[in-house]
Amino acid sequence: MTVQKMIAALLATGLSQKALAELAGTTQPTIHRAAKGAGVRYETGKEIERIYHERSSLQRSEDQAPKAQAMEGSQ
């Protein structure tokens, strides 16, 4: 997945460009440019990737919690 797509996915969760920039250790204009397809420094790209995977795994955990609760309730 590209940095551009990871940024789009993160922003779709309600995270702002400014908040993402702070988490990634960069500036909001850098996030804006990257969201439009511009290249970023390797380190910035890796931070965005880390944040994306971290938040994706949290979202998966939250999505599975209701299923587990529903299964417990049906027993």
N, C-alpha and C. Protein backbone atom coordinates (compact mmCIF):
# COMPACT_ATOMS: atom_id res chain seq x y z
N MET A 1 0.85 -1.18 0.00
CA MET A 1 0.00 0.00 0.00
C MET A 1 0.90 1.24 0.00
N THR A 2 0.50 2.23 -0.74
CA THR A 2 1.30 3.45 -0.84
C THR A 2 1.07 4.36 0.37
N VAL A 3 2.01 5.26 0.59
CA VAL A 3 1.87 6.25 1.66
C VAL A 3 0.60 7.06 1.42
N GLN A 4 0.35 7.41 0.17
CA GLN A 4 -0.84 8.20 -0.17
C GLN A 4 -2.12 7.46 0.27
N LYS A 5 -2.20 6.17 0.01
CA LYS A 5 -3.38 5.39 0.39
C LYS A 5 -3.48 5.22 1.90
N MET A 6 -2.33 5.05 2.57
CA MET A 6 -2.36 4.94 4.03
C MET A 6 -2.85 6.23 4.66
N ILE A 7 -2.39 7.36 4.14
CA ILE A 7 -2.85 8.66 4.65
C ILE A 7 -4.35 8.80 4.44
N ALA A 8 -4.82 8.45 3.25
CA ALA A 8 -6.26 8.55 2.97
C ALA A 8 -7.07 7.69 3.94
N ALA A 9 -6.59 6.49 4.22
CA ALA A 9 -7.29 5.60 5.15
C ALA A 9 -7.29 6.18 6.56
N LEU A 10 -6.17 6.73 6.98
CA LEU A 10 -6.08 7.33 8.32
C LEU A 10 -7.00 8.54 8.43
N LEU A 11 -7.02 9.37 7.41
CA LEU A 11 -7.87 10.55 7.43
C LEU A 11 -9.35 10.16 7.42
N ALA A 12 -9.67 9.05 6.76
CA ALA A 12 -11.05 8.58 6.70
C ALA A 12 -11.57 8.15 8.07
N THR A 13 -10.66 7.84 8.99
CA THR A 13 -11.07 7.46 10.35
C THR A 13 -11.36 8.67 11.22
N GLY A 14 -11.13 9.87 10.67
CA GLY A 14 -11.39 11.08 11.44
C GLY A 14 -10.14 11.76 11.95
N LEU A 15 -8.99 11.16 11.72
CA LEU A 15 -7.72 11.77 12.12
C LEU A 15 -7.45 12.96 11.21
N SER A 16 -7.05 14.07 11.78
CA SER A 16 -6.76 15.25 10.96
C SER A 16 -5.34 15.19 10.42
N GLN A 17 -5.09 15.96 9.37
CA GLN A 17 -3.73 16.04 8.83
C GLN A 17 -2.77 16.54 9.90
N LYS A 18 -3.20 17.51 10.69
CA LYS A 18 -2.34 18.06 11.74
C LYS A 18 -2.01 17.01 12.79
N ALA A 19 -3.02 16.26 13.22
CA ALA A 19 -2.80 15.21 14.22
C ALA A 19 -1.88 14.12 13.67
N LEU A 20 -2.08 13.73 12.42
CA LEU A 20 -1.22 12.74 11.79
C LEU A 20 0.21 13.25 11.70
N ALA A 21 0.36 14.51 11.34
CA ALA A 21 1.69 15.11 11.25
C ALA A 21 2.39 15.06 12.60
N GLU A 22 1.68 15.39 13.66
CA GLU A 22 2.27 15.37 15.00
C GLU A 22 2.68 13.95 15.38
N LEU A 23 1.83 12.98 15.10
CA LEU A 23 2.16 11.59 15.40
C LEU A 23 3.37 11.10 14.61
N ALA A 24 3.48 11.57 13.37
CA ALA A 24 4.55 11.12 12.47
C ALA A 24 5.82 11.95 12.62
N GLY A 25 5.77 13.02 13.41
CA GLY A 25 6.96 13.84 13.60
C GLY A 25 7.29 14.70 12.40
N THR A 26 6.27 15.18 11.72
CA THR A 26 6.48 16.03 10.55
C THR A 26 5.48 17.18 10.60
N THR A 27 5.31 17.87 9.49
CA THR A 27 4.42 19.02 9.45
C THR A 27 3.14 18.70 8.69
N GLN A 28 2.11 19.48 8.95
CA GLN A 28 0.84 19.30 8.24
C GLN A 28 1.01 19.51 6.74
N PRO A 29 1.79 20.53 6.30
CA PRO A 29 1.97 20.67 4.85
C PRO A 29 2.62 19.43 4.19
N THR A 30 3.51 18.77 4.92
CA THR A 30 4.12 17.55 4.38
C THR A 30 3.07 16.46 4.21
N ILE A 31 2.18 16.31 5.19
CA ILE A 31 1.11 15.33 5.10
C ILE A 31 0.18 15.68 3.94
N HIS A 32 -0.13 16.96 3.80
CA HIS A 32 -0.99 17.41 2.70
C HIS A 32 -0.38 17.05 1.35
N ARG A 33 0.91 17.35 1.18
CA ARG A 33 1.58 17.04 -0.10
C ARG A 33 1.61 15.53 -0.35
N ALA A 34 1.91 14.77 0.70
CA ALA A 34 1.96 13.31 0.55
C ALA A 34 0.59 12.75 0.20
N ALA A 35 -0.46 13.33 0.77
CA ALA A 35 -1.82 12.89 0.47
C ALA A 35 -2.17 13.15 -0.99
N LYS A 36 -1.51 14.13 -1.59
CA LYS A 36 -1.72 14.45 -3.01
C LYS A 36 -0.79 13.66 -3.93
N GLY A 37 0.09 12.83 -3.33
CA GLY A 37 0.95 11.98 -4.14
C GLY A 37 2.41 12.35 -4.18
N ALA A 38 2.80 13.41 -3.48
CA ALA A 38 4.21 13.80 -3.45
C ALA A 38 5.01 12.81 -2.61
N GLY A 39 6.27 12.70 -2.92
CA GLY A 39 7.15 11.83 -2.15
C GLY A 39 7.44 12.41 -0.77
N VAL A 40 7.79 11.54 0.16
CA VAL A 40 8.18 11.96 1.50
C VAL A 40 9.51 11.30 1.85
N ARG A 41 10.15 11.82 2.89
CA ARG A 41 11.38 11.20 3.37
C ARG A 41 11.08 9.77 3.80
N TYR A 42 12.08 8.91 3.70
CA TYR A 42 11.92 7.51 4.08
C TYR A 42 11.39 7.38 5.50
N GLU A 43 12.00 8.14 6.42
CA GLU A 43 11.63 8.06 7.83
C GLU A 43 10.16 8.46 8.04
N THR A 44 9.73 9.48 7.33
CA THR A 44 8.34 9.92 7.44
C THR A 44 7.39 8.84 6.92
N GLY A 45 7.74 8.26 5.80
CA GLY A 45 6.93 7.18 5.24
C GLY A 45 6.83 5.99 6.18
N LYS A 46 7.93 5.65 6.83
CA LYS A 46 7.92 4.53 7.77
C LYS A 46 7.06 4.85 9.00
N GLU A 47 7.09 6.09 9.45
CA GLU A 47 6.25 6.49 10.59
C GLU A 47 4.77 6.42 10.22
N ILE A 48 4.44 6.90 9.03
CA ILE A 48 3.05 6.83 8.57
C ILE A 48 2.62 5.37 8.47
N GLU A 49 3.49 4.54 7.95
CA GLU A 49 3.19 3.11 7.85
C GLU A 49 2.98 2.50 9.24
N ARG A 50 3.82 2.85 10.21
CA ARG A 50 3.68 2.34 11.57
C ARG A 50 2.33 2.76 12.17
N ILE A 51 2.00 4.04 12.02
CA ILE A 51 0.73 4.56 12.54
C ILE A 51 -0.44 3.85 11.88
N TYR A 52 -0.36 3.67 10.57
CA TYR A 52 -1.42 2.99 9.83
C TYR A 52 -1.64 1.57 10.37
N HIS A 53 -0.55 0.82 10.52
CA HIS A 53 -0.68 -0.57 10.98
C HIS A 53 -1.15 -0.62 12.43
N GLU A 54 -0.67 0.30 13.25
CA GLU A 54 -1.09 0.35 14.65
C GLU A 54 -2.59 0.62 14.75
N ARG A 55 -3.05 1.59 14.02
CA ARG A 55 -4.47 1.95 14.07
C ARG A 55 -5.34 0.89 13.39
N SER A 56 -4.82 0.25 12.36
CA SER A 56 -5.58 -0.82 11.68
C SER A 56 -5.77 -2.00 12.62
N SER A 57 -4.73 -2.36 13.37
CA SER A 57 -4.85 -3.49 14.29
C SER A 57 -5.79 -3.14 15.45
N LEU A 58 -5.78 -1.89 15.90
CA LEU A 58 -6.71 -1.47 16.95
C LEU A 58 -8.14 -1.54 16.44
N GLN A 59 -8.36 -1.11 15.21
CA GLN A 59 -9.70 -1.13 14.62
C GLN A 59 -10.20 -2.56 14.47
N ARG A 60 -9.31 -3.46 14.04
CA ARG A 60 -9.71 -4.87 13.91
C ARG A 60 -10.10 -5.45 15.27
N SER A 61 -9.36 -5.09 16.32
CA SER A 61 -9.67 -5.57 17.66
C SER A 61 -11.04 -5.07 18.11
N GLU A 62 -11.32 -3.80 17.84
CA GLU A 62 -12.61 -3.22 18.22
C GLU A 62 -13.74 -3.86 17.43
N ASP A 63 -13.49 -4.16 16.16
CA ASP A 63 -14.53 -4.77 15.32
C ASP A 63 -14.85 -6.18 15.78
N GLN A 64 -13.86 -6.89 16.30
CA GLN A 64 -14.08 -8.28 16.71
C GLN A 64 -14.67 -8.38 18.11
N ALA A 65 -14.52 -7.36 18.93
CA ALA A 65 -15.05 -7.40 20.29
C ALA A 65 -16.56 -7.61 20.32
N PRO A 66 -17.35 -6.90 19.52
CA PRO A 66 -18.81 -7.15 19.54
C PRO A 66 -19.17 -8.57 19.12
N LYS A 67 -18.41 -9.14 18.18
CA LYS A 67 -18.68 -10.51 17.74
C LYS A 67 -18.45 -11.49 18.90
N ALA A 68 -17.36 -11.28 19.64
CA ALA A 68 -17.05 -12.15 20.77
C ALA A 68 -18.12 -12.02 21.84
N GLN A 69 -18.57 -10.81 22.10
CA GLN A 69 -19.62 -10.60 23.10
C GLN A 69 -20.93 -11.24 22.66
N ALA A 70 -21.24 -11.15 21.39
CA ALA A 70 -22.47 -11.75 20.87
C ALA A 70 -22.41 -13.27 21.01
N MET A 71 -21.24 -13.85 20.76
CA MET A 71 -21.10 -15.30 20.88
C MET A 71 -21.25 -15.73 22.34
N GLU A 72 -20.70 -14.95 23.27
CA GLU A 72 -20.82 -15.28 24.68
C GLU A 72 -22.28 -15.20 25.13
N GLY A 73 -23.00 -14.23 24.61
CA GLY A 73 -24.40 -14.04 24.99
C GLY A 73 -25.32 -15.12 24.45
N SER A 74 -24.91 -15.80 23.39
CA SER A 74 -25.77 -16.81 22.77
C SER A 74 -25.60 -18.18 23.41
N GLN A 75 -24.68 -18.29 24.35
CA GLN A 75 -24.44 -19.60 24.97
C GLN A 75 -25.35 -19.84 26.13
